[in-house]
PDB file of N, CA and C in Angstrom:
ATOM      1  N   MET A   1     132.724  93.225 361.569  1.00  0.00           N
ATOM      2  CA  MET A   1     133.645  94.471 362.280  1.00  0.00           C
ATOM      3  C   MET A   1     132.788  94.870 363.455  1.00  0.00           C
ATOM      4  N   GLN A   2     133.146  95.378 364.091  1.00  0.00           N
ATOM      5  CA  GLN A   2     133.181  96.176 365.158  1.00  0.00           C
ATOM      6  C   GLN A   2     133.070  97.210 365.360  1.00  0.00           C
ATOM      7  N   TYR A   3     131.895  98.324 365.953  1.00  0.00           N
ATOM      8  CA  TYR A   3     131.702  99.555 365.531  1.00  0.00           C
ATOM      9  C   TYR A   3     131.471  99.542 367.305  1.00  0.00           C
ATOM     10  N   ASP A   4     132.319 101.238 367.444  1.00  0.00           N
ATOM     11  CA  ASP A   4     132.202 101.526 368.734  1.00  0.00           C
ATOM     12  C   ASP A   4     130.947 102.430 369.164  1.00  0.00           C
ATOM     13  N   SER A   5     129.815 102.300 368.316  1.00  0.00           N
ATOM     14  CA  SER A   5     129.257 103.656 368.438  1.00  0.00           C
ATOM     15  C   SER A   5     127.906 103.183 368.010  1.00  0.00           C
ATOM     16  N   GLU A   6     126.836 104.102 368.946  1.00  0.00           N
ATOM     17  CA  GLU A   6     125.419 103.660 369.096  1.00  0.00           C
ATOM     18  C   GLU A   6     124.965 104.415 367.353  1.00  0.00           C
ATOM     19  N   ASN A   7     125.876 104.992 366.757  1.00  0.00           N
ATOM     20  CA  ASN A   7     125.712 105.719 365.590  1.00  0.00           C
ATOM     21  C   ASN A   7     125.491 105.440 364.679  1.00  0.00           C
ATOM     22  N   VAL A   8     125.759 104.343 363.800  1.00  0.00           N
ATOM     23  CA  VAL A   8     126.068 102.932 363.046  1.00  0.00           C
ATOM     24  C   VAL A   8     124.864 103.030 362.030  1.00  0.00           C
ATOM     25  N   THR A   9     124.837 103.111 360.986  1.00  0.00           N
ATOM     26  CA  THR A   9     123.655 102.686 360.289  1.00  0.00           C
ATOM     27  C   THR A   9     124.457 101.862 359.499  1.00  0.00           C
ATOM     28  N   ASN A  10     123.685 100.493 359.298  1.00  0.00           N
ATOM     29  CA  ASN A  10     123.594  99.683 358.521  1.00  0.00           C
ATOM     30  C   ASN A  10     123.060  99.419 357.166  1.00  0.00           C
ATOM     31  N   TYR A  11     123.879  99.778 356.314  1.00  0.00           N
ATOM     32  CA  TYR A  11     122.832  99.857 354.612  1.00  0.00           C
ATOM     33  C   TYR A  11     123.006  98.173 354.124  1.00  0.00           C
ATOM     34  N   GLY A  12     122.878  97.275 354.765  1.00  0.00           N
ATOM     35  CA  GLY A  12     123.374  95.890 354.376  1.00  0.00           C
ATOM     36  C   GLY A  12     124.898  95.279 354.693  1.00  0.00           C
ATOM     37  N   ALA A  13     124.935  94.570 354.118  1.00  0.00           N
ATOM     38  CA  ALA A  13     126.367  93.883 354.297  1.00  0.00           C
ATOM     39  C   ALA A  13     127.397  94.553 353.731  1.00  0.00           C
ATOM     40  N   ARG A  14     127.089  95.375 353.003  1.00  0.00           N
ATOM     41  CA  ARG A  14     128.566  96.306 352.559  1.00  0.00           C
ATOM     42  C   ARG A  14     128.723  97.492 352.828  1.00  0.00           C
ATOM     43  N   TRP A  15     127.575  97.948 353.555  1.00  0.00           N
ATOM     44  CA  TRP A  15     127.525  99.526 353.515  1.00  0.00           C
ATOM     45  C   TRP A  15     127.201  99.829 354.641  1.00  0.00           C
ATOM     46  N   ARG A  16     128.420 100.132 355.662  1.00  0.00           N
ATOM     47  CA  ARG A  16     128.023 100.689 357.109  1.00  0.00           C
ATOM     48  C   ARG A  16     128.628 102.035 356.768  1.00  0.00           C
ATOM     49  N   TYR A  17     128.200 102.854 357.213  1.00  0.00           N
ATOM     50  CA  TYR A  17     128.522 104.052 358.391  1.00  0.00           C
ATOM     51  C   TYR A  17     128.585 104.927 359.572  1.00  0.00           C
ATOM     52  N   ARG A  18     129.728 105.365 360.020  1.00  0.00           N
ATOM     53  CA  ARG A  18     129.609 105.870 361.133  1.00  0.00           C
ATOM     54  C   ARG A  18     128.794 107.408 361.296  1.00  0.00           C
ATOM     55  N   MET A  19     127.896 107.309 361.706  1.00  0.00           N
ATOM     56  CA  MET A  19     127.322 108.876 361.661  1.00  0.00           C
ATOM     57  C   MET A  19     127.507 109.801 363.152  1.00  0.00           C
ATOM     58  N   ALA A  20     128.151 111.062 362.827  1.00  0.00           N
ATOM     59  CA  ALA A  20     128.145 112.109 363.808  1.00  0.00           C
ATOM     60  C   ALA A  20     127.113 112.120 365.180  1.00  0.00           C
ATOM     61  N   PRO A  21     127.342 111.972 366.455  1.00  0.00           N
ATOM     62  CA  PRO A  21     125.880 112.479 366.493  1.00  0.00           C
ATOM     63  C   PRO A  21     124.837 113.652 366.457  1.00  0.00           C
ATOM     64  N   GLU A  22     125.881 114.727 366.093  1.00  0.00           N
ATOM     65  CA  GLU A  22     125.077 115.940 365.778  1.00  0.00           C
ATOM     66  C   GLU A  22     125.316 116.008 364.133  1.00  0.00           C
ATOM     67  N   PHE A  23     124.959 114.928 363.532  1.00  0.00           N
ATOM     68  CA  PHE A  23     124.545 114.575 362.120  1.00  0.00           C
ATOM     69  C   PHE A  23     123.402 115.135 361.718  1.00  0.00           C
ATOM     70  N   SER A  24     122.821 116.200 360.629  1.00  0.00           N
ATOM     71  CA  SER A  24     121.512 116.304 360.375  1.00  0.00           C
ATOM     72  C   SER A  24     121.983 115.907 358.756  1.00  0.00           C
ATOM     73  N   TRP A  25     120.313 115.283 358.793  1.00  0.00           N
ATOM     74  CA  TRP A  25     119.994 115.134 357.409  1.00  0.00           C
ATOM     75  C   TRP A  25     119.712 116.680 356.768  1.00  0.00           C
ATOM     76  N   GLU A  26     118.890 117.106 357.538  1.00  0.00           N
ATOM     77  CA  GLU A  26     118.482 118.709 356.950  1.00  0.00           C
ATOM     78  C   GLU A  26     119.566 119.299 356.548  1.00  0.00           C
ATOM     79  N   ARG A  27     120.493 119.763 357.357  1.00  0.00           N
ATOM     80  CA  ARG A  27     121.259 120.464 357.240  1.00  0.00           C
ATOM     81  C   ARG A  27     122.354 119.804 356.252  1.00  0.00           C
ATOM     82  N   GLN A  28     122.642 118.667 356.155  1.00  0.00           N
ATOM     83  CA  GLN A  28     123.223 117.937 354.963  1.00  0.00           C
ATOM     84  C   GLN A  28     122.512 118.494 353.817  1.00  0.00           C
ATOM     85  N   TRP A  29     121.382 118.324 353.662  1.00  0.00           N
ATOM     86  CA  TRP A  29     120.280 118.776 352.340  1.00  0.00           C
ATOM     87  C   TRP A  29     120.692 120.571 351.873  1.00  0.00           C
ATOM     88  N   GLU A  30     120.432 121.154 353.171  1.00  0.00           N
ATOM     89  CA  GLU A  30     120.908 122.658 353.276  1.00  0.00           C
ATOM     90  C   GLU A  30     121.991 123.220 352.404  1.00  0.00           C
ATOM     91  N   VAL A  31     123.265 121.964 352.300  1.00  0.00           N
ATOM     92  CA  VAL A  31     124.629 122.660 351.701  1.00  0.00           C
ATOM     93  C   VAL A  31     124.264 122.140 350.384  1.00  0.00           C
ATOM     94  N   LEU A  32     123.781 120.799 350.022  1.00  0.00           N
ATOM     95  CA  LEU A  32     123.935 120.698 348.618  1.00  0.00           C
ATOM     96  C   LEU A  32     123.273 121.481 348.393  1.00  0.00           C
ATOM     97  N   VAL A  33     122.079 121.647 348.759  1.00  0.00           N
ATOM     98  CA  VAL A  33     121.449 122.966 347.509  1.00  0.00           C
ATOM     99  C   VAL A  33     122.024 124.107 347.844  1.00  0.00           C
ATOM    100  N   GLU A  34     123.028 124.500 348.488  1.00  0.00           N
ATOM    101  CA  GLU A  34     123.244 125.931 348.964  1.00  0.00           C
ATOM    102  C   GLU A  34     125.019 125.845 347.581  1.00  0.00           C
ATOM    103  N   SER A  35     124.947 124.682 347.713  1.00  0.00           N
ATOM    104  CA  SER A  35     126.728 124.254 346.712  1.00  0.00           C
ATOM    105  C   SER A  35     126.036 124.181 345.432  1.00  0.00           C
ATOM    106  N   VAL A  36     125.054 123.555 344.777  1.00  0.00           N
ATOM    107  CA  VAL A  36     124.391 123.557 343.598  1.00  0.00           C
ATOM    108  C   VAL A  36     124.214 124.660 343.263  1.00  0.00           C
ATOM    109  N   LYS A  37     123.407 125.586 343.719  1.00  0.00           N
ATOM    110  CA  LYS A  37     123.140 127.251 343.625  1.00  0.00           C
ATOM    111  C   LYS A  37     124.449 128.125 343.004  1.00  0.00           C
ATOM    112  N   TRP A  38     125.337 127.357 344.079  1.00  0.00           N
ATOM    113  CA  TRP A  38     126.449 127.716 343.386  1.00  0.00           C
ATOM    114  C   TRP A  38     127.278 127.753 342.242  1.00  0.00           C
ATOM    115  N   CYS A  39     127.543 126.569 342.317  1.00  0.00           N
ATOM    116  CA  CYS A  39     127.767 125.898 341.048  1.00  0.00           C
ATOM    117  C   CYS A  39     126.822 126.593 339.249  1.00  0.00           C
ATOM    118  N   VAL A  40     125.553 126.719 339.646  1.00  0.00           N
ATOM    119  CA  VAL A  40     124.430 126.941 338.886  1.00  0.00           C
ATOM    120  C   VAL A  40     124.749 128.152 338.105  1.00  0.00           C
ATOM    121  N   GLN A  41     125.283 129.231 339.496  1.00  0.00           N
ATOM    122  CA  GLN A  41     125.579 130.492 339.194  1.00  0.00           C
ATOM    123  C   GLN A  41     126.714 130.632 338.186  1.00  0.00           C
ATOM    124  N   LYS A  42     127.613 129.744 338.305  1.00  0.00           N
ATOM    125  CA  LYS A  42     129.097 129.689 337.746  1.00  0.00           C
ATOM    126  C   LYS A  42     129.128 128.991 336.598  1.00  0.00           C
ATOM    127  N   ALA A  43     128.336 128.514 336.310  1.00  0.00           N
ATOM    128  CA  ALA A  43     127.855 127.799 335.560  1.00  0.00           C
ATOM    129  C   ALA A  43     126.991 128.696 333.976  1.00  0.00           C
ATOM    130  N   LYS A  44     126.079 129.665 335.028  1.00  0.00           N
ATOM    131  CA  LYS A  44     125.178 130.401 334.263  1.00  0.00           C
ATOM    132  C   LYS A  44     126.338 131.431 333.656  1.00  0.00           C
ATOM    133  N   THR A  45     127.428 131.822 334.612  1.00  0.00           N
ATOM    134  CA  THR A  45     128.390 133.127 333.917  1.00  0.00           C
ATOM    135  C   THR A  45     128.988 132.715 332.394  1.00  0.00           C
ATOM    136  N   VAL A  46     129.182 131.267 332.199  1.00  0.00           N
ATOM    137  CA  VAL A  46     130.007 130.844 330.976  1.00  0.00           C
ATOM    138  C   VAL A  46     129.052 130.467 329.716  1.00  0.00           C
ATOM    139  N   GLY A  47     127.644 130.488 330.408  1.00  0.00           N
ATOM    140  CA  GLY A  47     126.836 130.491 329.500  1.00  0.00           C
ATOM    141  C   GLY A  47     126.326 128.748 329.456  1.00  0.00           C
ATOM    142  N   LEU A  48     126.872 127.823 330.204  1.00  0.00           N
ATOM    143  CA  LEU A  48     126.687 126.451 330.369  1.00  0.00           C
ATOM    144  C   LEU A  48     125.398 125.772 331.272  1.00  0.00           C
ATOM    145  N   LYS A  49     124.921 125.068 331.516  1.00  0.00           N
ATOM    146  CA  LYS A  49     123.559 124.608 331.922  1.00  0.00           C
ATOM    147  C   LYS A  49     124.008 123.376 332.904  1.00  0.00           C
ATOM    148  N   LEU A  50     123.996 123.038 334.343  1.00  0.00           N
ATOM    149  CA  LEU A  50     124.511 122.124 335.416  1.00  0.00           C
ATOM    150  C   LEU A  50     123.636 120.881 335.131  1.00  0.00           C
ATOM    151  N   ILE A  51     123.998 119.635 334.752  1.00  0.00           N
ATOM    152  CA  ILE A  51     122.957 118.600 334.550  1.00  0.00           C
ATOM    153  C   ILE A  51     123.513 117.761 335.969  1.00  0.00           C
ATOM    154  N   VAL A  52     122.657 117.683 336.852  1.00  0.00           N
ATOM    155  CA  VAL A  52     123.302 116.528 337.707  1.00  0.00           C
ATOM    156  C   VAL A  52     122.583 115.131 336.927  1.00  0.00           C
ATOM    157  N   GLU A  53     123.183 114.398 337.653  1.00  0.00           N
ATOM    158  CA  GLU A  53     122.222 112.457 337.292  1.00  0.00           C
ATOM    159  C   GLU A  53     122.365 112.108 338.763  1.00  0.00           C
ATOM    160  N   PRO A  54     121.113 111.892 339.166  1.00  0.00           N
ATOM    161  CA  PRO A  54     120.762 110.685 340.142  1.00  0.00           C
ATOM    162  C   PRO A  54     121.529 109.184 340.290  1.00  0.00           C
ATOM    163  N   ARG A  55     122.464 109.229 341.178  1.00  0.00           N
ATOM    164  CA  ARG A  55     122.570 107.747 341.389  1.00  0.00           C
ATOM    165  C   ARG A  55     122.828 106.780 342.669  1.00  0.00           C
ATOM    166  N   VAL A  56     122.507 105.590 342.342  1.00  0.00           N
ATOM    167  CA  VAL A  56     122.350 104.504 343.611  1.00  0.00           C
ATOM    168  C   VAL A  56     123.230 105.030 344.865  1.00  0.00           C
ATOM    169  N   GLY A  57     123.058 105.050 345.736  1.00  0.00           N
ATOM    170  CA  GLY A  57     124.095 105.467 346.910  1.00  0.00           C
ATOM    171  C   GLY A  57     124.391 106.954 347.087  1.00  0.00           C
ATOM    172  N   GLU A  58     123.820 107.584 346.465  1.00  0.00           N
ATOM    173  CA  GLU A  58     124.001 109.179 346.336  1.00  0.00           C
ATOM    174  C   GLU A  58     123.197 109.852 347.348  1.00  0.00           C
ATOM    175  N   ILE A  59     123.456 110.931 347.632  1.00  0.00           N
ATOM    176  CA  ILE A  59     122.090 111.901 348.244  1.00  0.00           C
ATOM    177  C   ILE A  59     121.215 112.084 347.176  1.00  0.00           C
ATOM    178  N   ILE A  60     121.453 112.277 346.438  1.00  0.00           N
ATOM    179  CA  ILE A  60     120.205 112.384 345.103  1.00  0.00           C
ATOM    180  C   ILE A  60     120.281 110.978 344.267  1.00  0.00           C
ATOM    181  N   SER A  61     119.411 110.254 344.661  1.00  0.00           N
ATOM    182  CA  SER A  61     119.530 108.789 343.964  1.00  0.00           C
ATOM    183  C   SER A  61     118.531 108.139 343.609  1.00  0.00           C
ATOM    184  N   ASN A  62     116.948 109.299 342.933  1.00  0.00           N
ATOM    185  CA  ASN A  62     116.277 108.688 342.499  1.00  0.00           C
ATOM    186  C   ASN A  62     115.886 109.953 341.832  1.00  0.00           C
ATOM    187  N   THR A  63     114.456 110.061 341.012  1.00  0.00           N
ATOM    188  CA  THR A  63     113.910 110.760 340.418  1.00  0.00           C
ATOM    189  C   THR A  63     112.969 111.736 341.507  1.00  0.00           C
ATOM    190  N   ASP A  64     112.503 111.233 342.639  1.00  0.00           N
ATOM    191  CA  ASP A  64     112.092 111.975 343.388  1.00  0.00           C
ATOM    192  C   ASP A  64     113.237 113.217 344.051  1.00  0.00           C
ATOM    193  N   GLY A  65     114.152 112.828 344.459  1.00  0.00           N
ATOM    194  CA  GLY A  65     115.285 113.343 344.848  1.00  0.00           C
ATOM    195  C   GLY A  65     115.753 114.332 343.894  1.00  0.00           C
ATOM    196  N   MET A  66     115.683 113.873 342.725  1.00  0.00           N
ATOM    197  CA  MET A  66     116.021 115.213 341.550  1.00  0.00           C
ATOM    198  C   MET A  66     115.280 116.017 341.559  1.00  0.00           C
ATOM    199  N   LEU A  67     113.782 115.917 341.401  1.00  0.00           N
ATOM    200  CA  LEU A  67     112.614 116.883 341.563  1.00  0.00           C
ATOM    201  C   LEU A  67     112.877 117.930 342.652  1.00  0.00           C
ATOM    202  N   ARG A  68     113.199 117.447 343.837  1.00  0.00           N
ATOM    203  CA  ARG A  68     113.142 117.807 344.944  1.00  0.00           C
ATOM    204  C   ARG A  68     114.196 118.938 344.926  1.00  0.00           C
ATOM    205  N   LEU A  69     115.433 118.505 344.680  1.00  0.00           N
ATOM    206  CA  LEU A  69     116.452 119.280 344.280  1.00  0.00           C
ATOM    207  C   LEU A  69     116.408 120.564 343.149  1.00  0.00           C
ATOM    208  N   ILE A  70     116.119 120.155 341.976  1.00  0.00           N
ATOM    209  CA  ILE A  70     115.119 121.641 340.722  1.00  0.00           C
ATOM    210  C   ILE A  70     114.836 122.143 341.937  1.00  0.00           C
ATOM    211  N   GLU A  71     113.503 121.857 342.581  1.00  0.00           N
ATOM    212  CA  GLU A  71     112.836 122.476 342.994  1.00  0.00           C
ATOM    213  C   GLU A  71     113.531 123.570 344.082  1.00  0.00           C
ATOM    214  N   ALA A  72     114.245 123.120 345.066  1.00  0.00           N
ATOM    215  CA  ALA A  72     114.859 123.954 345.781  1.00  0.00           C
ATOM    216  C   ALA A  72     115.662 124.496 345.225  1.00  0.00           C
ATOM    217  N   VAL A  73     116.753 124.581 344.335  1.00  0.00           N
ATOM    218  CA  VAL A  73     117.273 125.153 343.610  1.00  0.00           C
ATOM    219  C   VAL A  73     117.020 126.831 342.658  1.00  0.00           C
ATOM    220  N   ASN A  74     115.864 125.892 342.060  1.00  0.00           N
ATOM    221  CA  ASN A  74     114.800 127.135 340.872  1.00  0.00           C
ATOM    222  C   ASN A  74     115.650 127.530 340.605  1.00  0.00           C
ATOM    223  N   GLU A  75     116.505 126.950 339.491  1.00  0.00           N
ATOM    224  CA  GLU A  75     116.961 128.082 338.262  1.00  0.00           C
ATOM    225  C   GLU A  75     117.165 127.130 337.016  1.00  0.00           C
ATOM    226  N   PRO A  76     116.687 127.646 336.126  1.00  0.00           N
ATOM    227  CA  PRO A  76     116.217 127.219 334.664  1.00  0.00           C
ATOM    228  C   PRO A  76     117.667 126.691 334.431  1.00  0.00           C
ATOM    229  N   ASN A  77     118.688 126.858 334.576  1.00  0.00           N
ATOM    230  CA  ASN A  77     120.128 126.304 333.561  1.00  0.00           C
ATOM    231  C   ASN A  77     120.173 125.073 335.043  1.00  0.00           C
ATOM    232  N   LEU A  78     119.395 124.278 335.656  1.00  0.00           N
ATOM    233  CA  LEU A  78     120.184 123.319 336.298  1.00  0.00           C
ATOM    234  C   LEU A  78     118.971 122.286 335.123  1.00  0.00           C
ATOM    235  N   GLY A  79     119.702 121.003 335.407  1.00  0.00           N
ATOM    236  CA  GLY A  79     118.651 120.336 334.360  1.00  0.00           C
ATOM    237  C   GLY A  79     119.314 118.319 335.486  1.00  0.00           C
ATOM    238  N   ALA A  80     118.814 117.492 334.776  1.00  0.00           N
ATOM    239  CA  ALA A  80     119.031 116.357 335.003  1.00  0.00           C
ATOM    240  C   ALA A  80     119.135 115.222 334.357  1.00  0.00           C
ATOM    241  N   ILE A  81     119.923 114.688 334.505  1.00  0.00           N
ATOM    242  CA  ILE A  81     120.159 113.366 333.077  1.00  0.00           C
ATOM    243  C   ILE A  81     119.391 111.893 334.485  1.00  0.00           C
ATOM    244  N   LEU A  82     118.156 111.501 333.514  1.00  0.00           N
ATOM    245  CA  LEU A  82     117.567 110.361 334.105  1.00  0.00           C
ATOM    246  C   LEU A  82     118.073 108.574 333.516  1.00  0.00           C
ATOM    247  N   ASP A  83     119.299 107.933 334.365  1.00  0.00           N
ATOM    248  CA  ASP A  83     119.947 106.894 333.394  1.00  0.00           C
ATOM    249  C   ASP A  83     118.832 105.872 334.148  1.00  0.00           C
ATOM    250  N   THR A  84     118.352 105.319 333.070  1.00  0.00           N
ATOM    251  CA  THR A  84     117.377 104.208 333.099  1.00  0.00           C
ATOM    252  C   THR A  84     117.925 103.286 334.136  1.00  0.00           C
ATOM    253  N   GLY A  85     118.670 103.288 333.874  1.00  0.00           N
ATOM    254  CA  GLY A  85     119.829 101.651 334.718  1.00  0.00           C
ATOM    255  C   GLY A  85     120.011 102.035 335.979  1.00  0.00           C
ATOM    256  N   HIS A  86     119.942 103.198 336.469  1.00  0.00           N
ATOM    257  CA  HIS A  86     119.970 103.646 337.531  1.00  0.00           C
ATOM    258  C   HIS A  86     118.461 103.779 338.291  1.00  0.00           C
ATOM    259  N   GLN A  87     117.580 104.053 337.529  1.00  0.00           N
ATOM    260  CA  GLN A  87     116.307 104.611 338.038  1.00  0.00           C
ATOM    261  C   GLN A  87     115.741 102.289 338.437  1.00  0.00           C
ATOM    262  N   TYR A  88     116.381 101.642 337.142  1.00  0.00           N
ATOM    263  CA  TYR A  88     115.914 100.583 337.213  1.00  0.00           C
ATOM    264  C   TYR A  88     116.379  99.510 338.867  1.00  0.00           C
ATOM    265  N   ALA A  89     117.375 100.170 339.148  1.00  0.00           N
ATOM    266  CA  ALA A  89     118.785 100.017 340.367  1.00  0.00           C
ATOM    267  C   ALA A  89     117.396 100.403 341.247  1.00  0.00           C
ATOM    268  N   GLN A  90     116.927 101.430 341.568  1.00  0.00           N
ATOM    269  CA  GLN A  90     115.940 102.142 342.536  1.00  0.00           C
ATOM    270  C   GLN A  90     114.914 101.656 342.556  1.00  0.00           C
ATOM    271  N   LYS A  91     114.298 100.863 341.644  1.00  0.00           N
ATOM    272  CA  LYS A  91     113.018 100.063 341.310  1.00  0.00           C
ATOM    273  C   LYS A  91     111.966 101.477 340.969  1.00  0.00           C
ATOM    274  N   GLU A  92     112.703 102.030 340.257  1.00  0.00           N
ATOM    275  CA  GLU A  92     111.436 103.105 339.758  1.00  0.00           C
ATOM    276  C   GLU A  92     111.169 102.798 338.138  1.00  0.00           C
ATOM    277  N   ILE A  93     111.717 101.551 337.822  1.00  0.00           N
ATOM    278  CA  ILE A  93     110.941 101.412 336.425  1.00  0.00           C
ATOM    279  C   ILE A  93     111.213  99.625 336.287  1.00  0.00           C
TER     280      ILE A  93
END
């Protein structure tokens, strides 16, 4: 497959993404934290806890990322599900 941009990230044979030149991981993280804070507040209004599961290939893909998100959101009704299968795939266990 041919790409017409220098901004292609290759994650192996199956994973290729075209990144816009203005793309920012820092901004992506800010948007994620803002979005999760919003969801946590909505969950709180109906007495629920928001649970996030780190998954391979997603922005929160491992335990470290999940802990960083929990710290950044800083709300008691945000939690995590740590799936040992995903932890194994990420070589955490």
